[in-house]
Amino acid sequence: MSILIDKVMKIKEIWFTNDYIYGRNETGREYSQSLLWYPNYQDIF
């Protein structure tokens, strides 16, 4: 049995460092992802 739940996360802030992209949602939880997954963005910084 599979239950699907629609859940929307609202990102309130996004920022970059040399190696990562970060996001913070409406509850204050931070998420990060390596820019190695996005090679087009690596040359910007």
N, C-alpha and C. Protein backbone atom coordinates (compact mmCIF):
# COMPACT_ATOMS: atom_id res chain seq x y z
N MET A 1 0.84 -1.18 0.00
CA MET A 1 0.00 0.00 0.00
C MET A 1 0.88 1.24 0.00
N SER A 2 0.55 2.19 -0.82
CA SER A 2 1.32 3.41 -0.93
C SER A 2 0.42 4.61 -0.66
N ILE A 3 0.90 5.51 0.16
CA ILE A 3 0.15 6.73 0.46
C ILE A 3 0.95 7.92 -0.05
N LEU A 4 0.32 8.72 -0.86
CA LEU A 4 0.96 9.92 -1.37
C LEU A 4 0.45 11.12 -0.60
N ILE A 5 1.36 11.93 -0.13
CA ILE A 5 1.00 13.14 0.61
C ILE A 5 1.57 14.33 -0.14
N ASP A 6 0.71 15.26 -0.50
CA ASP A 6 1.17 16.49 -1.15
C ASP A 6 1.67 17.43 -0.08
N LYS A 7 2.92 17.81 -0.17
CA LYS A 7 3.52 18.69 0.81
C LYS A 7 4.34 19.73 0.06
N VAL A 8 4.13 20.96 0.37
CA VAL A 8 4.85 22.05 -0.29
C VAL A 8 5.82 22.66 0.71
N MET A 9 7.07 22.77 0.28
CA MET A 9 8.07 23.42 1.11
C MET A 9 8.36 24.79 0.48
N LYS A 10 8.32 25.82 1.28
CA LYS A 10 8.60 27.16 0.79
C LYS A 10 10.01 27.55 1.21
N ILE A 11 10.85 27.80 0.21
CA ILE A 11 12.21 28.25 0.45
C ILE A 11 12.18 29.76 0.59
N LYS A 12 12.68 30.25 1.72
CA LYS A 12 12.63 31.68 2.01
C LYS A 12 13.95 32.39 1.69
N GLU A 13 15.03 31.64 1.63
CA GLU A 13 16.35 32.25 1.42
C GLU A 13 17.25 31.27 0.66
N ILE A 14 18.01 31.78 -0.28
CA ILE A 14 18.98 30.98 -1.04
C ILE A 14 20.29 31.74 -1.06
N TRP A 15 21.42 31.04 -0.84
CA TRP A 15 22.72 31.66 -0.94
C TRP A 15 23.76 30.65 -1.42
N PHE A 16 24.86 31.17 -1.89
CA PHE A 16 25.93 30.35 -2.47
C PHE A 16 27.22 30.56 -1.71
N THR A 17 28.05 29.54 -1.65
CA THR A 17 29.45 29.66 -1.27
C THR A 17 30.25 29.15 -2.46
N ASN A 18 31.54 29.03 -2.32
CA ASN A 18 32.34 28.56 -3.45
C ASN A 18 31.97 27.16 -3.89
N ASP A 19 31.55 26.31 -2.95
CA ASP A 19 31.33 24.91 -3.26
C ASP A 19 29.88 24.43 -3.13
N TYR A 20 29.01 25.23 -2.51
CA TYR A 20 27.66 24.76 -2.20
C TYR A 20 26.60 25.82 -2.51
N ILE A 21 25.39 25.34 -2.74
CA ILE A 21 24.20 26.18 -2.77
C ILE A 21 23.39 25.80 -1.53
N TYR A 22 22.87 26.80 -0.83
CA TYR A 22 22.13 26.59 0.40
C TYR A 22 20.72 27.16 0.26
N GLY A 23 19.81 26.60 1.02
CA GLY A 23 18.46 27.12 1.09
C GLY A 23 17.93 26.98 2.49
N ARG A 24 17.08 27.90 2.89
CA ARG A 24 16.44 27.84 4.20
C ARG A 24 14.93 27.94 3.99
N ASN A 25 14.19 27.02 4.61
CA ASN A 25 12.74 27.02 4.43
C ASN A 25 12.05 27.87 5.49
N GLU A 26 10.72 27.84 5.47
CA GLU A 26 9.93 28.70 6.34
C GLU A 26 10.05 28.33 7.82
N THR A 27 10.50 27.10 8.12
CA THR A 27 10.67 26.70 9.51
C THR A 27 12.10 26.91 10.01
N GLY A 28 12.99 27.37 9.12
CA GLY A 28 14.37 27.62 9.50
C GLY A 28 15.32 26.48 9.20
N ARG A 29 14.82 25.38 8.68
CA ARG A 29 15.69 24.26 8.34
C ARG A 29 16.52 24.60 7.12
N GLU A 30 17.82 24.27 7.19
CA GLU A 30 18.74 24.55 6.09
C GLU A 30 19.00 23.30 5.27
N TYR A 31 19.11 23.50 3.98
CA TYR A 31 19.43 22.45 3.04
C TYR A 31 20.64 22.90 2.24
N SER A 32 21.46 21.95 1.82
CA SER A 32 22.62 22.30 1.00
C SER A 32 22.83 21.23 -0.05
N GLN A 33 23.47 21.66 -1.13
CA GLN A 33 23.80 20.75 -2.23
C GLN A 33 25.12 21.20 -2.84
N SER A 34 25.98 20.27 -3.09
CA SER A 34 27.26 20.57 -3.72
C SER A 34 27.05 21.13 -5.11
N LEU A 35 27.82 22.13 -5.46
CA LEU A 35 27.75 22.69 -6.80
C LEU A 35 28.37 21.75 -7.85
N LEU A 36 28.98 20.67 -7.42
CA LEU A 36 29.48 19.67 -8.37
C LEU A 36 28.33 19.10 -9.19
N TRP A 37 27.11 19.13 -8.67
CA TRP A 37 25.94 18.65 -9.39
C TRP A 37 25.47 19.66 -10.43
N TYR A 38 25.96 20.89 -10.33
CA TYR A 38 25.54 21.98 -11.24
C TYR A 38 26.78 22.65 -11.83
N PRO A 39 27.44 22.01 -12.78
CA PRO A 39 28.72 22.53 -13.29
C PRO A 39 28.60 23.93 -13.91
N ASN A 40 27.43 24.31 -14.42
CA ASN A 40 27.28 25.65 -14.99
C ASN A 40 27.41 26.74 -13.95
N TYR A 41 27.10 26.45 -12.70
CA TYR A 41 27.17 27.46 -11.65
C TYR A 41 28.56 27.56 -11.02
N GLN A 42 29.41 26.58 -11.23
CA GLN A 42 30.73 26.58 -10.59
C GLN A 42 31.59 27.73 -11.09
N ASP A 43 31.44 28.14 -12.33
CA ASP A 43 32.29 29.20 -12.89
C ASP A 43 31.84 30.59 -12.49
N ILE A 44 30.67 30.72 -11.91
CA ILE A 44 30.15 32.03 -11.52
C ILE A 44 30.91 32.57 -10.31
N PHE A 45 31.34 31.68 -9.43
CA PHE A 45 31.93 32.13 -8.18
C PHE A 45 33.41 32.00 -8.27
